[in-house]
Amino acid sequence: MSGRRLEARVILIGLAGIQLVNGIWATVAPASFYEDFPPGIGGWVSALPAYNEHLMRDVGALFLATGFVLLAAAVWLERRLVAIALVSYLLFSVPHAIFHLFNLEPYGTGDGIGNVLALAATVLLPIWLLSVLWRQGATPPQASAGASDGGEARVGAAGEGVSRPSPPAA
């Protein structure tokens, strides 16, 4: 696996894992998620709005949905699926980050720094990966001997372009 493919897969799996774990937690045990997030620290969610079980379960379900799409993108690494997964995740993470970056008052210094770093990662990692895809898209596709990805462009190493299988011989 090329370096860029591995980096893409690691980032996608990491983002998916966080979304899936948080999604299961918020859906199955919404009061615990509200009080105890993040694990081992707690209090980040409960510091702001009042508890609402319906809202916590809905947020959990949305986390599960984005986590699933990110995980599918990590498994197949098909260019369009990766881009869609990252953009849909950014549609969540950018407004989420903006809200929290402007509402750090309830947190102590350590929790505030933790919030800023975590929120920055949820925005910057997907943007970086999208920029890698964008740069690869500027490179003309190259046929790859023995490729069998169903005809879809795949995430490749920087500068490699994308690979497409050759059409079957007639």
C-alpha atoms as a PDB file:
ATOM      1  CA  MET A   1       0.000   0.000   0.000  1.00  0.00           C
ATOM      2  CA  SER A   2       1.405   3.375  -0.937  1.00  0.00           C
ATOM      3  CA  GLY A   3       2.181   5.930   1.762  1.00  0.00           C
ATOM      4  CA  ARG A   4      -0.710   8.237   0.832  1.00  0.00           C
ATOM      5  CA  ARG A   5      -3.190   5.351   0.707  1.00  0.00           C
ATOM      6  CA  LEU A   6      -2.076   4.275   4.171  1.00  0.00           C
ATOM      7  CA  GLU A   7      -2.323   7.845   5.512  1.00  0.00           C
ATOM      8  CA  ALA A   8      -5.802   8.229   3.995  1.00  0.00           C
ATOM      9  CA  ARG A   9      -6.954   4.925   5.432  1.00  0.00           C
ATOM     10  CA  VAL A  10      -5.566   5.732   8.906  1.00  0.00           C
ATOM     11  CA  ILE A  11      -7.234   9.170   8.974  1.00  0.00           C
ATOM     12  CA  LEU A  12     -10.553   7.805   7.723  1.00  0.00           C
ATOM     13  CA  ILE A  13     -10.515   4.901  10.196  1.00  0.00           C
ATOM     14  CA  GLY A  14      -9.574   7.254  13.036  1.00  0.00           C
ATOM     15  CA  LEU A  15     -12.397   9.686  12.261  1.00  0.00           C
ATOM     16  CA  ALA A  16     -14.833   6.810  11.712  1.00  0.00           C
ATOM     17  CA  GLY A  17     -13.817   5.120  14.948  1.00  0.00           C
ATOM     18  CA  ILE A  18     -14.397   8.260  16.984  1.00  0.00           C
ATOM     19  CA  GLN A  19     -17.779   8.844  15.332  1.00  0.00           C
ATOM     20  CA  LEU A  20     -18.874   5.220  15.769  1.00  0.00           C
ATOM     21  CA  VAL A  21     -17.794   4.938  19.418  1.00  0.00           C
ATOM     22  CA  ASN A  22     -19.384   8.287  20.302  1.00  0.00           C
ATOM     23  CA  GLY A  23     -22.464   7.374  18.277  1.00  0.00           C
ATOM     24  CA  ILE A  24     -22.998   4.069  20.035  1.00  0.00           C
ATOM     25  CA  TRP A  25     -22.378   5.696  23.420  1.00  0.00           C
ATOM     26  CA  ALA A  26     -24.734   8.661  22.830  1.00  0.00           C
ATOM     27  CA  THR A  27     -27.444   6.431  21.342  1.00  0.00           C
ATOM     28  CA  VAL A  28     -27.338   3.658  23.953  1.00  0.00           C
ATOM     29  CA  ALA A  29     -26.476   5.689  27.067  1.00  0.00           C
ATOM     30  CA  PRO A  30     -27.313   9.333  26.338  1.00  0.00           C
ATOM     31  CA  ALA A  31     -27.150  10.515  29.972  1.00  0.00           C
ATOM     32  CA  SER A  32     -23.709   8.940  30.394  1.00  0.00           C
ATOM     33  CA  PHE A  33     -22.464  10.523  27.164  1.00  0.00           C
ATOM     34  CA  TYR A  34     -23.785  13.896  28.358  1.00  0.00           C
ATOM     35  CA  GLU A  35     -22.085  13.645  31.767  1.00  0.00           C
ATOM     36  CA  ASP A  36     -18.938  11.645  30.990  1.00  0.00           C
ATOM     37  CA  PHE A  37     -17.667  12.802  27.583  1.00  0.00           C
ATOM     38  CA  PRO A  38     -14.758  12.711  26.913  1.00  0.00           C
ATOM     39  CA  PRO A  39     -13.837   9.431  28.599  1.00  0.00           C
ATOM     40  CA  GLY A  40     -11.605   9.897  31.609  1.00  0.00           C
ATOM     41  CA  ILE A  41     -12.215  13.643  31.692  1.00  0.00           C
ATOM     42  CA  GLY A  42     -15.974  14.187  31.393  1.00  0.00           C
ATOM     43  CA  GLY A  43     -17.923  17.408  31.519  1.00  0.00           C
ATOM     44  CA  TRP A  44     -17.354  18.762  28.019  1.00  0.00           C
ATOM     45  CA  VAL A  45     -20.935  18.168  26.842  1.00  0.00           C
ATOM     46  CA  SER A  46     -22.634  18.911  30.152  1.00  0.00           C
ATOM     47  CA  ALA A  47     -20.783  22.246  30.450  1.00  0.00           C
ATOM     48  CA  LEU A  48     -22.953  23.873  27.790  1.00  0.00           C
ATOM     49  CA  PRO A  49     -26.590  23.057  26.991  1.00  0.00           C
ATOM     50  CA  ALA A  50     -29.062  21.428  29.359  1.00  0.00           C
ATOM     51  CA  TYR A  51     -29.494  17.648  29.037  1.00  0.00           C
ATOM     52  CA  ASN A  52     -32.028  16.469  26.478  1.00  0.00           C
ATOM     53  CA  GLU A  53     -32.291  12.708  25.931  1.00  0.00           C
ATOM     54  CA  HIS A  54     -33.897  13.110  22.518  1.00  0.00           C
ATOM     55  CA  LEU A  55     -31.133  15.418  21.322  1.00  0.00           C
ATOM     56  CA  MET A  56     -28.383  13.134  22.685  1.00  0.00           C
ATOM     57  CA  ARG A  57     -29.857  10.083  20.926  1.00  0.00           C
ATOM     58  CA  ASP A  58     -30.301  12.028  17.665  1.00  0.00           C
ATOM     59  CA  VAL A  59     -26.701  13.250  17.814  1.00  0.00           C
ATOM     60  CA  GLY A  60     -25.586   9.683  18.497  1.00  0.00           C
ATOM     61  CA  ALA A  61     -27.457   8.454  15.424  1.00  0.00           C
ATOM     62  CA  LEU A  62     -25.855  11.183  13.302  1.00  0.00           C
ATOM     63  CA  PHE A  63     -22.421  10.179  14.622  1.00  0.00           C
ATOM     64  CA  LEU A  64     -23.186   6.584  13.619  1.00  0.00           C
ATOM     65  CA  ALA A  65     -24.207   7.677  10.117  1.00  0.00           C
ATOM     66  CA  THR A  66     -21.067   9.740   9.492  1.00  0.00           C
ATOM     67  CA  GLY A  67     -18.911   7.049  11.068  1.00  0.00           C
ATOM     68  CA  PHE A  68     -20.349   4.414   8.738  1.00  0.00           C
ATOM     69  CA  VAL A  69     -19.680   6.515   5.620  1.00  0.00           C
ATOM     70  CA  LEU A  70     -16.128   7.313   6.782  1.00  0.00           C
ATOM     71  CA  LEU A  71     -15.473   3.623   7.460  1.00  0.00           C
ATOM     72  CA  ALA A  72     -16.819   2.631   4.014  1.00  0.00           C
ATOM     73  CA  ALA A  73     -14.506   5.224   2.460  1.00  0.00           C
ATOM     74  CA  ALA A  74     -11.568   3.770   4.419  1.00  0.00           C
ATOM     75  CA  VAL A  75     -12.338   0.245   3.232  1.00  0.00           C
ATOM     76  CA  TRP A  76     -12.773   1.027  -0.483  1.00  0.00           C
ATOM     77  CA  LEU A  77     -10.644   4.173  -0.844  1.00  0.00           C
ATOM     78  CA  GLU A  78     -12.611   5.087  -3.956  1.00  0.00           C
ATOM     79  CA  ARG A  79     -11.924   8.737  -4.757  1.00  0.00           C
ATOM     80  CA  ARG A  80     -15.546   9.911  -4.954  1.00  0.00           C
ATOM     81  CA  LEU A  81     -16.597   8.012  -1.844  1.00  0.00           C
ATOM     82  CA  VAL A  82     -13.636   9.414   0.124  1.00  0.00           C
ATOM     83  CA  ALA A  83     -14.452  12.951  -1.020  1.00  0.00           C
ATOM     84  CA  ILE A  84     -18.154  12.573  -0.182  1.00  0.00           C
ATOM     85  CA  ALA A  85     -17.356  11.097   3.225  1.00  0.00           C
ATOM     86  CA  LEU A  86     -14.907  13.892   4.053  1.00  0.00           C
ATOM     87  CA  VAL A  87     -17.172  16.691   2.842  1.00  0.00           C
ATOM     88  CA  SER A  88     -20.169  15.275   4.732  1.00  0.00           C
ATOM     89  CA  TYR A  89     -18.018  14.970   7.853  1.00  0.00           C
ATOM     90  CA  LEU A  90     -16.805  18.571   7.421  1.00  0.00           C
ATOM     91  CA  LEU A  91     -20.429  19.711   7.143  1.00  0.00           C
ATOM     92  CA  PHE A  92     -20.701  18.487  10.735  1.00  0.00           C
ATOM     93  CA  SER A  93     -17.246  19.271  12.093  1.00  0.00           C
ATOM     94  CA  VAL A  94     -16.817  22.862  10.851  1.00  0.00           C
ATOM     95  CA  PRO A  95     -20.019  24.283  12.441  1.00  0.00           C
ATOM     96  CA  HIS A  96     -19.368  22.113  15.508  1.00  0.00           C
ATOM     97  CA  ALA A  97     -15.839  23.507  15.854  1.00  0.00           C
ATOM     98  CA  ILE A  98     -16.962  27.097  15.276  1.00  0.00           C
ATOM     99  CA  PHE A  99     -19.625  26.834  17.960  1.00  0.00           C
ATOM    100  CA  HIS A 100     -17.256  25.386  20.527  1.00  0.00           C
ATOM    101  CA  LEU A 101     -14.364  27.717  19.702  1.00  0.00           C
ATOM    102  CA  PHE A 102     -16.664  30.657  20.485  1.00  0.00           C
ATOM    103  CA  ASN A 103     -18.033  29.014  23.644  1.00  0.00           C
ATOM    104  CA  LEU A 104     -14.983  28.003  25.684  1.00  0.00           C
ATOM    105  CA  GLU A 105     -15.945  30.038  28.781  1.00  0.00           C
ATOM    106  CA  PRO A 106     -17.248  27.098  30.865  1.00  0.00           C
ATOM    107  CA  TYR A 107     -13.975  25.205  30.553  1.00  0.00           C
ATOM    108  CA  GLY A 108     -10.811  25.428  32.592  1.00  0.00           C
ATOM    109  CA  THR A 109      -7.512  26.027  30.804  1.00  0.00           C
ATOM    110  CA  GLY A 110      -6.702  22.348  30.269  1.00  0.00           C
ATOM    111  CA  ASP A 111     -10.166  21.456  29.000  1.00  0.00           C
ATOM    112  CA  GLY A 112     -10.183  24.556  26.787  1.00  0.00           C
ATOM    113  CA  ILE A 113      -6.862  23.564  25.227  1.00  0.00           C
ATOM    114  CA  GLY A 114      -8.094  19.993  24.803  1.00  0.00           C
ATOM    115  CA  ASN A 115     -11.246  21.260  23.083  1.00  0.00           C
ATOM    116  CA  VAL A 116      -9.301  23.489  20.702  1.00  0.00           C
ATOM    117  CA  LEU A 117      -6.840  20.738  19.745  1.00  0.00           C
ATOM    118  CA  ALA A 118      -9.529  18.092  19.263  1.00  0.00           C
ATOM    119  CA  LEU A 119     -11.734  20.449  17.266  1.00  0.00           C
ATOM    120  CA  ALA A 120      -8.823  21.599  15.104  1.00  0.00           C
ATOM    121  CA  ALA A 121      -7.974  17.976  14.265  1.00  0.00           C
ATOM    122  CA  THR A 122     -11.579  17.254  13.235  1.00  0.00           C
ATOM    123  CA  VAL A 123     -11.383  20.060  10.686  1.00  0.00           C
ATOM    124  CA  LEU A 124      -7.741  20.089   9.575  1.00  0.00           C
ATOM    125  CA  LEU A 125      -7.260  16.337   8.980  1.00  0.00           C
ATOM    126  CA  PRO A 126     -10.208  16.018   6.562  1.00  0.00           C
ATOM    127  CA  ILE A 127      -9.222  19.253   4.796  1.00  0.00           C
ATOM    128  CA  TRP A 128      -5.659  17.974   4.382  1.00  0.00           C
ATOM    129  CA  LEU A 129      -6.898  14.666   2.980  1.00  0.00           C
ATOM    130  CA  LEU A 130      -9.238  16.473   0.581  1.00  0.00           C
ATOM    131  CA  SER A 131      -6.302  18.598  -0.589  1.00  0.00           C
ATOM    132  CA  VAL A 132      -4.353  15.409  -1.322  1.00  0.00           C
ATOM    133  CA  LEU A 133      -7.288  14.127  -3.394  1.00  0.00           C
ATOM    134  CA  TRP A 134      -7.555  17.490  -5.169  1.00  0.00           C
ATOM    135  CA  ARG A 135      -3.863  17.494  -6.099  1.00  0.00           C
ATOM    136  CA  GLN A 136      -4.095  13.922  -7.378  1.00  0.00           C
ATOM    137  CA  GLY A 137      -7.106  14.853  -9.484  1.00  0.00           C
ATOM    138  CA  ALA A 138      -4.946  17.399 -11.334  1.00  0.00           C
ATOM    139  CA  THR A 139      -2.687  14.560 -12.533  1.00  0.00           C
ATOM    140  CA  PRO A 140      -3.878  12.648 -15.607  1.00  0.00           C
ATOM    141  CA  PRO A 141      -5.068   9.111 -14.798  1.00  0.00           C
ATOM    142  CA  GLN A 142      -2.615   6.325 -15.522  1.00  0.00           C
ATOM    143  CA  ALA A 143      -3.526   2.759 -16.379  1.00  0.00           C
ATOM    144  CA  SER A 144      -2.347   0.315 -13.772  1.00  0.00           C
ATOM    145  CA  ALA A 145      -1.455  -3.206 -14.842  1.00  0.00           C
ATOM    146  CA  GLY A 146      -3.512  -5.774 -12.984  1.00  0.00           C
ATOM    147  CA  ALA A 147      -5.695  -3.190 -11.244  1.00  0.00           C
ATOM    148  CA  SER A 148      -9.101  -4.523 -10.329  1.00  0.00           C
ATOM    149  CA  ASP A 149     -10.946  -1.737  -8.582  1.00  0.00           C
ATOM    150  CA  GLY A 150     -14.123  -1.954 -10.640  1.00  0.00           C
ATOM    151  CA  GLY A 151     -13.240   1.013 -12.814  1.00  0.00           C
ATOM    152  CA  GLU A 152     -13.314   3.595 -10.050  1.00  0.00           C
ATOM    153  CA  ALA A 153     -10.501   6.037  -9.386  1.00  0.00           C
ATOM    154  CA  ARG A 154      -8.602   5.122  -6.238  1.00  0.00           C
ATOM    155  CA  VAL A 155      -6.589   7.109  -3.726  1.00  0.00           C
ATOM    156  CA  GLY A 156      -2.926   6.724  -4.653  1.00  0.00           C
ATOM    157  CA  ALA A 157       0.441   8.068  -3.672  1.00  0.00           C
ATOM    158  CA  ALA A 158       1.106  11.759  -4.238  1.00  0.00           C
ATOM    159  CA  GLY A 159       2.130  12.365  -7.813  1.00  0.00           C
ATOM    160  CA  GLU A 160       0.883   8.957  -8.964  1.00  0.00           C
ATOM    161  CA  GLY A 161      -2.432  10.172 -10.244  1.00  0.00           C
ATOM    162  CA  VAL A 162      -5.190   7.623 -10.085  1.00  0.00           C
ATOM    163  CA  SER A 163      -5.364   4.118 -11.421  1.00  0.00           C
ATOM    164  CA  ARG A 164      -8.054   2.623 -13.599  1.00  0.00           C
ATOM    165  CA  PRO A 165      -8.106  -0.899 -14.911  1.00  0.00           C
ATOM    166  CA  SER A 166      -7.700  -1.435 -18.636  1.00  0.00           C
ATOM    167  CA  PRO A 167     -10.903  -2.447 -20.443  1.00  0.00           C
ATOM    168  CA  PRO A 168     -11.220  -6.187 -21.102  1.00  0.00           C
ATOM    169  CA  ALA A 169      -9.764  -7.391 -24.390  1.00  0.00           C
ATOM    170  CA  ALA A 170     -12.382  -8.089 -27.053  1.00  0.00           C
END
